[in-house]
PDB file of all heavy atoms in Angstrom:
ATOM      1  N   LYS A   1      21.069  11.915 -11.404  1.00  0.00           N
ATOM      2  CA  LYS A   1      21.811  11.457 -12.560  1.00  0.00           C
ATOM      3  C   LYS A   1      22.952  10.564 -12.047  1.00  0.00           C
ATOM      4  O   LYS A   1      23.253   9.502 -12.628  1.00  0.00           O
ATOM      5  CB  LYS A   1      22.281  12.566 -13.413  1.00  0.00           C
ATOM      6  CG  LYS A   1      23.229  12.014 -14.554  1.00  0.00           C
ATOM      7  CD  LYS A   1      22.354  11.479 -15.608  1.00  0.00           C
ATOM      8  CE  LYS A   1      23.217  11.329 -17.017  1.00  0.00           C
ATOM      9  NZ  LYS A   1      23.417  10.003 -17.350  1.00  0.00           N
ATOM     10  N   SER A   2      23.576  10.903 -10.933  1.00  0.00           N
ATOM     11  CA  SER A   2      24.616  10.111 -10.325  1.00  0.00           C
ATOM     12  C   SER A   2      24.106   8.671  -9.942  1.00  0.00           C
ATOM     13  O   SER A   2      24.867   7.761 -10.101  1.00  0.00           O
ATOM     14  CB  SER A   2      25.422  10.807  -9.227  1.00  0.00           C
ATOM     15  OG  SER A   2      24.581  10.772  -8.044  1.00  0.00           O
ATOM     16  N   TYR A   3      22.943   8.687  -9.400  1.00  0.00           N
ATOM     17  CA  TYR A   3      22.381   7.373  -8.934  1.00  0.00           C
ATOM     18  C   TYR A   3      22.090   6.500 -10.167  1.00  0.00           C
ATOM     19  O   TYR A   3      22.324   5.329 -10.260  1.00  0.00           O
ATOM     20  CB  TYR A   3      21.030   7.540  -8.189  1.00  0.00           C
ATOM     21  CG  TYR A   3      21.223   8.079  -6.863  1.00  0.00           C
ATOM     22  CD1 TYR A   3      20.402   9.181  -6.369  1.00  0.00           C
ATOM     23  CD2 TYR A   3      22.146   7.507  -5.979  1.00  0.00           C
ATOM     24  CE1 TYR A   3      20.691   9.567  -5.085  1.00  0.00           C
ATOM     25  CE2 TYR A   3      22.383   8.076  -4.702  1.00  0.00           C
ATOM     26  CZ  TYR A   3      21.576   9.176  -4.262  1.00  0.00           C
ATOM     27  OH  TYR A   3      21.766   9.688  -2.982  1.00  0.00           O
ATOM     28  N   ILE A   4      21.700   7.089 -11.294  1.00  0.00           N
ATOM     29  CA  ILE A   4      21.390   6.405 -12.586  1.00  0.00           C
ATOM     30  C   ILE A   4      22.892   5.886 -13.096  1.00  0.00           C
ATOM     31  O   ILE A   4      22.967   4.692 -13.454  1.00  0.00           O
ATOM     32  CB  ILE A   4      20.653   7.247 -13.533  1.00  0.00           C
ATOM     33  CG1 ILE A   4      19.232   7.456 -13.092  1.00  0.00           C
ATOM     34  CG2 ILE A   4      20.729   6.608 -14.918  1.00  0.00           C
ATOM     35  CD1 ILE A   4      18.438   8.423 -13.910  1.00  0.00           C
ATOM     36  N   ASP A   5      23.737   6.777 -13.161  1.00  0.00           N
ATOM     37  CA  ASP A   5      25.149   6.324 -13.589  1.00  0.00           C
ATOM     38  C   ASP A   5      25.731   5.223 -12.829  1.00  0.00           C
ATOM     39  O   ASP A   5      26.387   4.194 -13.337  1.00  0.00           O
ATOM     40  CB  ASP A   5      26.055   7.627 -13.714  1.00  0.00           C
ATOM     41  CG  ASP A   5      25.628   8.682 -14.669  1.00  0.00           C
ATOM     42  OD1 ASP A   5      24.854   8.410 -15.590  1.00  0.00           O
ATOM     43  OD2 ASP A   5      26.057   9.730 -14.621  1.00  0.00           O
ATOM     44  N   ASP A   6      25.567   5.364 -11.448  1.00  0.00           N
ATOM     45  CA  ASP A   6      26.176   4.241 -10.619  1.00  0.00           C
ATOM     46  C   ASP A   6      25.438   2.983 -10.838  1.00  0.00           C
ATOM     47  O   ASP A   6      25.954   2.023 -10.755  1.00  0.00           O
ATOM     48  CB  ASP A   6      26.088   4.766  -9.152  1.00  0.00           C
ATOM     49  CG  ASP A   6      27.065   5.798  -8.790  1.00  0.00           C
ATOM     50  OD1 ASP A   6      27.992   6.108  -9.644  1.00  0.00           O
ATOM     51  OD2 ASP A   6      26.906   6.417  -7.660  1.00  0.00           O
ATOM     52  N   ALA A   7      24.137   3.114 -11.007  1.00  0.00           N
ATOM     53  CA  ALA A   7      23.289   1.809 -11.196  1.00  0.00           C
ATOM     54  C   ALA A   7      23.700   1.210 -12.533  1.00  0.00           C
ATOM     55  O   ALA A   7      23.885  -0.027 -12.668  1.00  0.00           O
ATOM     56  CB  ALA A   7      21.841   2.205 -11.309  1.00  0.00           C
ATOM     57  N   GLU A   8      23.955   2.017 -13.541  1.00  0.00           N
ATOM     58  CA  GLU A   8      24.456   1.407 -14.821  1.00  0.00           C
ATOM     59  C   GLU A   8      25.851   0.742 -14.655  1.00  0.00           C
ATOM     60  O   GLU A   8      25.921  -0.336 -15.215  1.00  0.00           O
ATOM     61  CB  GLU A   8      24.487   2.595 -15.855  1.00  0.00           C
ATOM     62  CG  GLU A   8      24.723   2.211 -17.251  1.00  0.00           C
ATOM     63  CD  GLU A   8      24.732   3.159 -18.307  1.00  0.00           C
ATOM     64  OE1 GLU A   8      24.723   4.389 -17.964  1.00  0.00           O
ATOM     65  OE2 GLU A   8      24.610   2.785 -19.524  1.00  0.00           O
ATOM     66  N   LYS A   9      26.692   1.342 -13.841  1.00  0.00           N
ATOM     67  CA  LYS A   9      27.987   0.779 -13.649  1.00  0.00           C
ATOM     68  C   LYS A   9      27.834  -0.521 -12.926  1.00  0.00           C
ATOM     69  O   LYS A   9      28.726  -1.369 -12.897  1.00  0.00           O
ATOM     70  CB  LYS A   9      28.938   1.767 -12.856  1.00  0.00           C
ATOM     71  CG  LYS A   9      29.361   2.949 -13.750  1.00  0.00           C
ATOM     72  CD  LYS A   9      30.128   3.929 -12.887  1.00  0.00           C
ATOM     73  CE  LYS A   9      30.299   5.191 -13.501  1.00  0.00           C
ATOM     74  NZ  LYS A   9      30.718   6.289 -12.653  1.00  0.00           N
ATOM     75  N   ASN A  10      26.835  -0.647 -12.116  1.00  0.00           N
ATOM     76  CA  ASN A  10      26.638  -1.767 -11.266  1.00  0.00           C
ATOM     77  C   ASN A  10      25.557  -2.705 -11.543  1.00  0.00           C
ATOM     78  O   ASN A  10      25.007  -3.513 -10.764  1.00  0.00           O
ATOM     79  CB  ASN A  10      26.506  -1.381  -9.751  1.00  0.00           C
ATOM     80  CG  ASN A  10      27.711  -0.798  -9.148  1.00  0.00           C
ATOM     81  OD1 ASN A  10      28.516  -1.441  -8.763  1.00  0.00           O
ATOM     82  ND2 ASN A  10      27.713   0.628  -9.084  1.00  0.00           N
ATOM     83  N   ILE A  11      25.106  -2.786 -12.913  1.00  0.00           N
ATOM     84  CA  ILE A  11      24.022  -3.449 -13.377  1.00  0.00           C
ATOM     85  C   ILE A  11      24.237  -4.983 -13.159  1.00  0.00           C
ATOM     86  O   ILE A  11      23.310  -5.703 -12.952  1.00  0.00           O
ATOM     87  CB  ILE A  11      23.679  -3.163 -14.794  1.00  0.00           C
ATOM     88  CG1 ILE A  11      22.217  -3.635 -15.124  1.00  0.00           C
ATOM     89  CG2 ILE A  11      24.741  -3.757 -15.753  1.00  0.00           C
ATOM     90  CD1 ILE A  11      21.676  -2.965 -16.340  1.00  0.00           C
ATOM     91  N   ASN A  12      25.504  -5.433 -13.075  1.00  0.00           N
ATOM     92  CA  ASN A  12      25.699  -6.851 -12.883  1.00  0.00           C
ATOM     93  C   ASN A  12      25.776  -7.261 -11.413  1.00  0.00           C
ATOM     94  O   ASN A  12      25.787  -8.428 -11.102  1.00  0.00           O
ATOM     95  CB  ASN A  12      27.002  -7.299 -13.572  1.00  0.00           C
ATOM     96  CG  ASN A  12      26.822  -7.262 -15.109  1.00  0.00           C
ATOM     97  OD1 ASN A  12      25.858  -7.621 -15.631  1.00  0.00           O
ATOM     98  ND2 ASN A  12      27.727  -6.606 -15.757  1.00  0.00           N
ATOM     99  N   ASP A  13      25.747  -6.273 -10.398  1.00  0.00           N
ATOM    100  CA  ASP A  13      25.706  -6.537  -9.079  1.00  0.00           C
ATOM    101  C   ASP A  13      24.309  -6.282  -8.543  1.00  0.00           C
ATOM    102  O   ASP A  13      23.880  -5.145  -8.238  1.00  0.00           O
ATOM    103  CB  ASP A  13      26.756  -5.610  -8.295  1.00  0.00           C
ATOM    104  CG  ASP A  13      26.832  -5.877  -6.902  1.00  0.00           C
ATOM    105  OD1 ASP A  13      25.918  -6.368  -6.237  1.00  0.00           O
ATOM    106  OD2 ASP A  13      27.906  -5.356  -6.371  1.00  0.00           O
ATOM    107  N   LYS A  14      23.579  -7.379  -8.337  1.00  0.00           N
ATOM    108  CA  LYS A  14      22.194  -7.378  -7.978  1.00  0.00           C
ATOM    109  C   LYS A  14      21.870  -6.431  -6.720  1.00  0.00           C
ATOM    110  O   LYS A  14      21.066  -5.537  -6.696  1.00  0.00           O
ATOM    111  CB  LYS A  14      21.695  -8.628  -7.769  1.00  0.00           C
ATOM    112  CG  LYS A  14      20.351  -9.070  -8.485  1.00  0.00           C
ATOM    113  CD  LYS A  14      19.891 -10.377  -8.181  1.00  0.00           C
ATOM    114  CE  LYS A  14      20.412 -11.356  -9.222  1.00  0.00           C
ATOM    115  NZ  LYS A  14      19.725 -12.650  -9.136  1.00  0.00           N
ATOM    116  N   ASN A  15      22.677  -6.758  -5.708  1.00  0.00           N
ATOM    117  CA  ASN A  15      22.518  -6.068  -4.443  1.00  0.00           C
ATOM    118  C   ASN A  15      22.792  -4.556  -4.524  1.00  0.00           C
ATOM    119  O   ASN A  15      21.921  -3.746  -3.980  1.00  0.00           O
ATOM    120  CB  ASN A  15      23.305  -6.758  -3.332  1.00  0.00           C
ATOM    121  CG  ASN A  15      22.712  -8.086  -2.926  1.00  0.00           C
ATOM    122  OD1 ASN A  15      21.478  -8.272  -3.156  1.00  0.00           O
ATOM    123  ND2 ASN A  15      23.634  -8.945  -2.352  1.00  0.00           N
ATOM    124  N   GLU A  16      23.872  -4.269  -5.186  1.00  0.00           N
ATOM    125  CA  GLU A  16      24.315  -2.799  -5.263  1.00  0.00           C
ATOM    126  C   GLU A  16      23.267  -2.113  -6.078  1.00  0.00           C
ATOM    127  O   GLU A  16      22.835  -0.903  -5.901  1.00  0.00           O
ATOM    128  CB  GLU A  16      25.624  -2.715  -5.857  1.00  0.00           C
ATOM    129  CG  GLU A  16      26.130  -1.328  -5.915  1.00  0.00           C
ATOM    130  CD  GLU A  16      26.352  -0.515  -4.556  1.00  0.00           C
ATOM    131  OE1 GLU A  16      26.375  -1.296  -3.503  1.00  0.00           O
ATOM    132  OE2 GLU A  16      26.436   0.685  -4.508  1.00  0.00           O
ATOM    133  N   PHE A  17      22.813  -2.811  -7.231  1.00  0.00           N
ATOM    134  CA  PHE A  17      21.843  -2.116  -8.068  1.00  0.00           C
ATOM    135  C   PHE A  17      20.486  -1.894  -7.421  1.00  0.00           C
ATOM    136  O   PHE A  17      20.037  -0.693  -7.393  1.00  0.00           O
ATOM    137  CB  PHE A  17      21.562  -3.141  -9.329  1.00  0.00           C
ATOM    138  CG  PHE A  17      20.650  -2.494 -10.384  1.00  0.00           C
ATOM    139  CD1 PHE A  17      21.168  -1.694 -11.344  1.00  0.00           C
ATOM    140  CD2 PHE A  17      19.268  -2.641 -10.365  1.00  0.00           C
ATOM    141  CE1 PHE A  17      20.393  -1.123 -12.324  1.00  0.00           C
ATOM    142  CE2 PHE A  17      18.521  -2.120 -11.252  1.00  0.00           C
ATOM    143  CZ  PHE A  17      19.033  -1.231 -12.230  1.00  0.00           C
ATOM    144  N   VAL A  18      19.928  -2.817  -6.605  1.00  0.00           N
ATOM    145  CA  VAL A  18      18.804  -2.636  -5.893  1.00  0.00           C
ATOM    146  C   VAL A  18      19.022  -1.547  -4.840  1.00  0.00           C
ATOM    147  O   VAL A  18      18.042  -0.614  -4.624  1.00  0.00           O
ATOM    148  CB  VAL A  18      18.334  -3.915  -5.099  1.00  0.00           C
ATOM    149  CG1 VAL A  18      17.175  -3.655  -4.211  1.00  0.00           C
ATOM    150  CG2 VAL A  18      17.820  -4.941  -6.145  1.00  0.00           C
ATOM    151  N   TYR A  19      20.148  -1.419  -4.179  1.00  0.00           N
ATOM    152  CA  TYR A  19      20.469  -0.409  -3.293  1.00  0.00           C
ATOM    153  C   TYR A  19      20.392   1.015  -3.935  1.00  0.00           C
ATOM    154  O   TYR A  19      19.781   1.966  -3.447  1.00  0.00           O
ATOM    155  CB  TYR A  19      21.817  -0.537  -2.615  1.00  0.00           C
ATOM    156  CG  TYR A  19      22.123   0.590  -1.732  1.00  0.00           C
ATOM    157  CD1 TYR A  19      21.556   0.848  -0.454  1.00  0.00           C
ATOM    158  CD2 TYR A  19      23.250   1.417  -2.180  1.00  0.00           C
ATOM    159  CE1 TYR A  19      21.978   1.877   0.278  1.00  0.00           C
ATOM    160  CE2 TYR A  19      23.650   2.456  -1.356  1.00  0.00           C
ATOM    161  CZ  TYR A  19      23.017   2.689  -0.195  1.00  0.00           C
ATOM    162  OH  TYR A  19      23.431   3.818   0.577  1.00  0.00           O
ATOM    163  N   LEU A  20      20.903   1.140  -5.114  1.00  0.00           N
ATOM    164  CA  LEU A  20      20.976   2.356  -5.850  1.00  0.00           C
ATOM    165  C   LEU A  20      19.584   2.724  -6.345  1.00  0.00           C
ATOM    166  O   LEU A  20      19.229   3.882  -6.350  1.00  0.00           O
ATOM    167  CB  LEU A  20      22.010   2.338  -7.034  1.00  0.00           C
ATOM    168  CG  LEU A  20      23.400   2.240  -6.571  1.00  0.00           C
ATOM    169  CD1 LEU A  20      24.308   1.764  -7.704  1.00  0.00           C
ATOM    170  CD2 LEU A  20      23.932   3.672  -6.162  1.00  0.00           C
ATOM    171  N   GLU A  21      18.678   1.744  -6.597  1.00  0.00           N
ATOM    172  CA  GLU A  21      17.409   2.040  -6.966  1.00  0.00           C
ATOM    173  C   GLU A  21      16.563   2.646  -5.829  1.00  0.00           C
ATOM    174  O   GLU A  21      15.860   3.556  -5.912  1.00  0.00           O
ATOM    175  CB  GLU A  21      16.649   0.766  -7.413  1.00  0.00           C
ATOM    176  CG  GLU A  21      16.989   0.299  -8.785  1.00  0.00           C
ATOM    177  CD  GLU A  21      15.819  -0.453  -9.383  1.00  0.00           C
ATOM    178  OE1 GLU A  21      15.055  -1.127  -8.708  1.00  0.00           O
ATOM    179  OE2 GLU A  21      15.598  -0.299 -10.674  1.00  0.00           O
ATOM    180  N   PHE A  22      16.871   2.080  -4.616  1.00  0.00           N
ATOM    181  CA  PHE A  22      16.231   2.643  -3.465  1.00  0.00           C
ATOM    182  C   PHE A  22      16.728   4.030  -3.183  1.00  0.00           C
ATOM    183  O   PHE A  22      15.866   4.880  -2.870  1.00  0.00           O
ATOM    184  CB  PHE A  22      16.648   1.728  -2.221  1.00  0.00           C
ATOM    185  CG  PHE A  22      16.270   2.375  -0.906  1.00  0.00           C
ATOM    186  CD1 PHE A  22      15.006   2.264  -0.441  1.00  0.00           C
ATOM    187  CD2 PHE A  22      17.281   3.043  -0.197  1.00  0.00           C
ATOM    188  CE1 PHE A  22      14.671   2.965   0.775  1.00  0.00           C
ATOM    189  CE2 PHE A  22      16.889   3.665   1.099  1.00  0.00           C
ATOM    190  CZ  PHE A  22      15.551   3.576   1.505  1.00  0.00           C
ATOM    191  N   LYS A  23      18.004   4.264  -3.357  1.00  0.00           N
ATOM    192  CA  LYS A  23      18.492   5.583  -3.145  1.00  0.00           C
ATOM    193  C   LYS A  23      17.877   6.541  -4.195  1.00  0.00           C
ATOM    194  O   LYS A  23      17.567   7.732  -3.817  1.00  0.00           O
ATOM    195  CB  LYS A  23      20.083   5.651  -3.317  1.00  0.00           C
ATOM    196  CG  LYS A  23      20.835   4.871  -2.337  1.00  0.00           C
ATOM    197  CD  LYS A  23      20.688   5.494  -0.935  1.00  0.00           C
ATOM    198  CE  LYS A  23      21.628   6.723  -0.840  1.00  0.00           C
ATOM    199  NZ  LYS A  23      21.529   7.288   0.469  1.00  0.00           N
ATOM    200  N   PHE A  24      17.672   6.191  -5.381  1.00  0.00           N
ATOM    201  CA  PHE A  24      17.061   7.033  -6.511  1.00  0.00           C
ATOM    202  C   PHE A  24      15.666   7.492  -6.023  1.00  0.00           C
ATOM    203  O   PHE A  24      15.414   8.609  -5.974  1.00  0.00           O
ATOM    204  CB  PHE A  24      16.968   6.181  -7.734  1.00  0.00           C
ATOM    205  CG  PHE A  24      16.228   6.882  -8.855  1.00  0.00           C
ATOM    206  CD1 PHE A  24      16.814   7.683  -9.788  1.00  0.00           C
ATOM    207  CD2 PHE A  24      14.829   6.597  -9.042  1.00  0.00           C
ATOM    208  CE1 PHE A  24      16.132   8.287 -10.775  1.00  0.00           C
ATOM    209  CE2 PHE A  24      14.162   7.129 -10.041  1.00  0.00           C
ATOM    210  CZ  PHE A  24      14.797   8.043 -10.943  1.00  0.00           C
ATOM    211  N   HIS A  25      14.812   6.435  -5.598  1.00  0.00           N
ATOM    212  CA  HIS A  25      13.529   6.831  -5.137  1.00  0.00           C
ATOM    213  C   HIS A  25      13.474   7.683  -3.877  1.00  0.00           C
ATOM    214  O   HIS A  25      12.785   8.612  -3.778  1.00  0.00           O
ATOM    215  CB  HIS A  25      12.704   5.465  -4.917  1.00  0.00           C
ATOM    216  CG  HIS A  25      12.320   4.830  -6.091  1.00  0.00           C
ATOM    217  ND1 HIS A  25      11.115   5.087  -6.753  1.00  0.00           N
ATOM    218  CD2 HIS A  25      12.936   3.936  -7.003  1.00  0.00           C
ATOM    219  CE1 HIS A  25      11.006   4.293  -7.827  1.00  0.00           C
ATOM    220  NE2 HIS A  25      12.079   3.653  -7.969  1.00  0.00           N
ATOM    221  N   HIS A  26      14.404   7.350  -2.952  1.00  0.00           N
ATOM    222  CA  HIS A  26      14.379   8.067  -1.590  1.00  0.00           C
ATOM    223  C   HIS A  26      14.897   9.521  -1.829  1.00  0.00           C
ATOM    224  O   HIS A  26      14.348  10.438  -1.257  1.00  0.00           O
ATOM    225  CB  HIS A  26      15.370   7.401  -0.660  1.00  0.00           C
ATOM    226  CG  HIS A  26      15.341   7.911   0.686  1.00  0.00           C
ATOM    227  ND1 HIS A  26      16.043   8.993   1.167  1.00  0.00           N
ATOM    228  CD2 HIS A  26      14.493   7.679   1.688  1.00  0.00           C
ATOM    229  CE1 HIS A  26      15.763   9.234   2.397  1.00  0.00           C
ATOM    230  NE2 HIS A  26      14.832   8.441   2.798  1.00  0.00           N
ATOM    231  N   TYR A  27      15.791   9.765  -2.900  1.00  0.00           N
ATOM    232  CA  TYR A  27      16.204  11.117  -3.183  1.00  0.00           C
ATOM    233  C   TYR A  27      15.092  11.924  -3.733  1.00  0.00           C
ATOM    234  O   TYR A  27      14.974  13.180  -3.525  1.00  0.00           O
ATOM    235  CB  TYR A  27      17.329  11.146  -4.029  1.00  0.00           C
ATOM    236  CG  TYR A  27      18.016  12.487  -4.043  1.00  0.00           C
ATOM    237  CD1 TYR A  27      18.830  12.887  -2.963  1.00  0.00           C
ATOM    238  CD2 TYR A  27      18.000  13.388  -5.095  1.00  0.00           C
ATOM    239  CE1 TYR A  27      19.475  14.159  -2.887  1.00  0.00           C
ATOM    240  CE2 TYR A  27      18.474  14.664  -4.976  1.00  0.00           C
ATOM    241  CZ  TYR A  27      19.199  15.046  -3.985  1.00  0.00           C
ATOM    242  OH  TYR A  27      19.808  16.256  -3.913  1.00  0.00           O
ATOM    243  N   ILE A  28      14.116  11.268  -4.478  1.00  0.00           N
ATOM    244  CA  ILE A  28      13.037  12.031  -5.057  1.00  0.00           C
ATOM    245  C   ILE A  28      12.104  12.390  -3.773  1.00  0.00           C
ATOM    246  O   ILE A  28      11.661  13.605  -3.773  1.00  0.00           O
ATOM    247  CB  ILE A  28      12.233  11.096  -6.028  1.00  0.00           C
ATOM    248  CG1 ILE A  28      13.111  10.987  -7.326  1.00  0.00           C
ATOM    249  CG2 ILE A  28      10.854  11.712  -6.374  1.00  0.00           C
ATOM    250  CD1 ILE A  28      12.559  10.042  -8.307  1.00  0.00           C
ATOM    251  N   PHE A  29      11.981  11.637  -2.758  1.00  0.00           N
ATOM    252  CA  PHE A  29      11.162  12.035  -1.644  1.00  0.00           C
ATOM    253  C   PHE A  29      11.894  13.286  -0.941  1.00  0.00           C
ATOM    254  O   PHE A  29      11.152  14.170  -0.464  1.00  0.00           O
ATOM    255  CB  PHE A  29      11.093  10.834  -0.544  1.00  0.00           C
ATOM    256  CG  PHE A  29      10.607   9.600  -1.048  1.00  0.00           C
ATOM    257  CD1 PHE A  29      11.030   8.413  -0.460  1.00  0.00           C
ATOM    258  CD2 PHE A  29       9.840   9.403  -2.219  1.00  0.00           C
ATOM    259  CE1 PHE A  29      10.621   7.175  -0.837  1.00  0.00           C
ATOM    260  CE2 PHE A  29       9.479   8.220  -2.694  1.00  0.00           C
ATOM    261  CZ  PHE A  29       9.834   7.075  -2.013  1.00  0.00           C
ATOM    262  N   GLU A  30      13.240  13.276  -0.814  1.00  0.00           N
ATOM    263  CA  GLU A  30      13.853  14.346  -0.254  1.00  0.00           C
ATOM    264  C   GLU A  30      13.728  15.582  -0.973  1.00  0.00           C
ATOM    265  O   GLU A  30      13.512  16.653  -0.402  1.00  0.00           O
ATOM    266  CB  GLU A  30      15.418  13.940  -0.173  1.00  0.00           C
ATOM    267  CG  GLU A  30      15.749  12.940   0.889  1.00  0.00           C
ATOM    268  CD  GLU A  30      17.204  12.678   0.950  1.00  0.00           C
ATOM    269  OE1 GLU A  30      18.018  13.514   0.589  1.00  0.00           O
ATOM    270  OE2 GLU A  30      17.623  11.546   1.504  1.00  0.00           O
ATOM    271  N   ILE A  31      13.703  15.576  -2.284  1.00  0.00           N
ATOM    272  CA  ILE A  31      13.489  16.762  -3.147  1.00  0.00           C
ATOM    273  C   ILE A  31      12.080  17.312  -2.906  1.00  0.00           C
ATOM    274  O   ILE A  31      11.936  18.439  -2.689  1.00  0.00           O
ATOM    275  CB  ILE A  31      13.652  16.506  -4.694  1.00  0.00           C
ATOM    276  CG1 ILE A  31      15.148  16.066  -4.986  1.00  0.00           C
ATOM    277  CG2 ILE A  31      13.223  17.663  -5.472  1.00  0.00           C
ATOM    278  CD1 ILE A  31      15.304  15.527  -6.389  1.00  0.00           C
ATOM    279  N   ALA A  32      11.166  16.444  -2.812  1.00  0.00           N
ATOM    280  CA  ALA A  32       9.741  16.799  -2.603  1.00  0.00           C
ATOM    281  C   ALA A  32       9.676  17.579  -1.252  1.00  0.00           C
ATOM    282  O   ALA A  32       8.869  18.496  -1.087  1.00  0.00           O
ATOM    283  CB  ALA A  32       8.818  15.654  -2.609  1.00  0.00           C
ATOM    284  N   ASP A  33      10.402  17.120  -0.250  1.00  0.00           N
ATOM    285  CA  ASP A  33      10.462  17.788   1.078  1.00  0.00           C
ATOM    286  C   ASP A  33       9.178  18.002   1.733  1.00  0.00           C
ATOM    287  O   ASP A  33       8.741  19.189   2.081  1.00  0.00           O
ATOM    288  CB  ASP A  33      11.268  19.168   0.859  1.00  0.00           C
ATOM    289  CG  ASP A  33      11.646  19.684   2.200  1.00  0.00           C
ATOM    290  OD1 ASP A  33      11.778  18.961   3.141  1.00  0.00           O
ATOM    291  OD2 ASP A  33      11.750  21.018   2.383  1.00  0.00           O
ATOM    292  N   ASN A  34       8.331  16.903   1.839  1.00  0.00           N
ATOM    293  CA  ASN A  34       7.029  17.102   2.485  1.00  0.00           C
ATOM    294  C   ASN A  34       7.086  16.055   3.640  1.00  0.00           C
ATOM    295  O   ASN A  34       6.983  14.782   3.364  1.00  0.00           O
ATOM    296  CB  ASN A  34       5.983  16.823   1.442  1.00  0.00           C
ATOM    297  CG  ASN A  34       4.565  16.947   2.037  1.00  0.00           C
ATOM    298  OD1 ASN A  34       4.244  16.250   3.013  1.00  0.00           O
ATOM    299  ND2 ASN A  34       3.729  17.726   1.402  1.00  0.00           N
ATOM    300  N   LYS A  35       7.035  16.532   4.829  1.00  0.00           N
ATOM    301  CA  LYS A  35       7.227  15.683   5.959  1.00  0.00           C
ATOM    302  C   LYS A  35       5.892  14.734   6.240  1.00  0.00           C
ATOM    303  O   LYS A  35       6.141  13.628   6.600  1.00  0.00           O
ATOM    304  CB  LYS A  35       7.371  16.511   7.261  1.00  0.00           C
ATOM    305  CG  LYS A  35       8.710  17.303   7.301  1.00  0.00           C
ATOM    306  CD  LYS A  35       8.877  18.116   8.536  1.00  0.00           C
ATOM    307  CE  LYS A  35      10.226  18.821   8.498  1.00  0.00           C
ATOM    308  NZ  LYS A  35      10.285  20.085   7.867  1.00  0.00           N
ATOM    309  N   VAL A  36       4.751  15.250   5.891  1.00  0.00           N
ATOM    310  CA  VAL A  36       3.595  14.450   6.089  1.00  0.00           C
ATOM    311  C   VAL A  36       3.696  13.176   5.026  1.00  0.00           C
ATOM    312  O   VAL A  36       3.549  12.080   5.413  1.00  0.00           O
ATOM    313  CB  VAL A  36       2.338  15.255   5.739  1.00  0.00           C
ATOM    314  CG1 VAL A  36       1.060  14.343   5.824  1.00  0.00           C
ATOM    315  CG2 VAL A  36       2.254  16.329   6.863  1.00  0.00           C
ATOM    316  N   LEU A  37       3.883  13.506   3.854  1.00  0.00           N
ATOM    317  CA  LEU A  37       4.064  12.492   2.845  1.00  0.00           C
ATOM    318  C   LEU A  37       5.216  11.541   3.091  1.00  0.00           C
ATOM    319  O   LEU A  37       5.074  10.362   2.882  1.00  0.00           O
ATOM    320  CB  LEU A  37       4.160  13.049   1.415  1.00  0.00           C
ATOM    321  CG  LEU A  37       2.942  13.730   0.808  1.00  0.00           C
ATOM    322  CD1 LEU A  37       3.256  14.361  -0.507  1.00  0.00           C
ATOM    323  CD2 LEU A  37       1.826  12.794   0.697  1.00  0.00           C
ATOM    324  N   SER A  38       6.327  12.118   3.582  1.00  0.00           N
ATOM    325  CA  SER A  38       7.470  11.161   3.935  1.00  0.00           C
ATOM    326  C   SER A  38       7.121  10.269   4.993  1.00  0.00           C
ATOM    327  O   SER A  38       7.508   9.134   4.930  1.00  0.00           O
ATOM    328  CB  SER A  38       8.658  12.123   4.223  1.00  0.00           C
ATOM    329  OG  SER A  38       9.090  12.821   3.094  1.00  0.00           O
ATOM    330  N   ALA A  39       6.490  10.708   6.068  1.00  0.00           N
ATOM    331  CA  ALA A  39       6.070   9.951   7.171  1.00  0.00           C
ATOM    332  C   ALA A  39       5.246   8.729   6.728  1.00  0.00           C
ATOM    333  O   ALA A  39       5.355   7.578   7.048  1.00  0.00           O
ATOM    334  CB  ALA A  39       5.399  10.710   8.249  1.00  0.00           C
TER     335      ALA A  39
END
C-alpha cells in the first residue's frame, strides 16, 4: 500500500513513478519468497 500511495503522490514525476512501480513488483517477488523463481 505504501508503494501505491507513494506512486500516487509522485504521479507527475515520471522517473520516481517508474521506480516505485519497479519496487511494487519487486516486493511481490519478495513476498513470494521463491529463490528459483526469483533467479
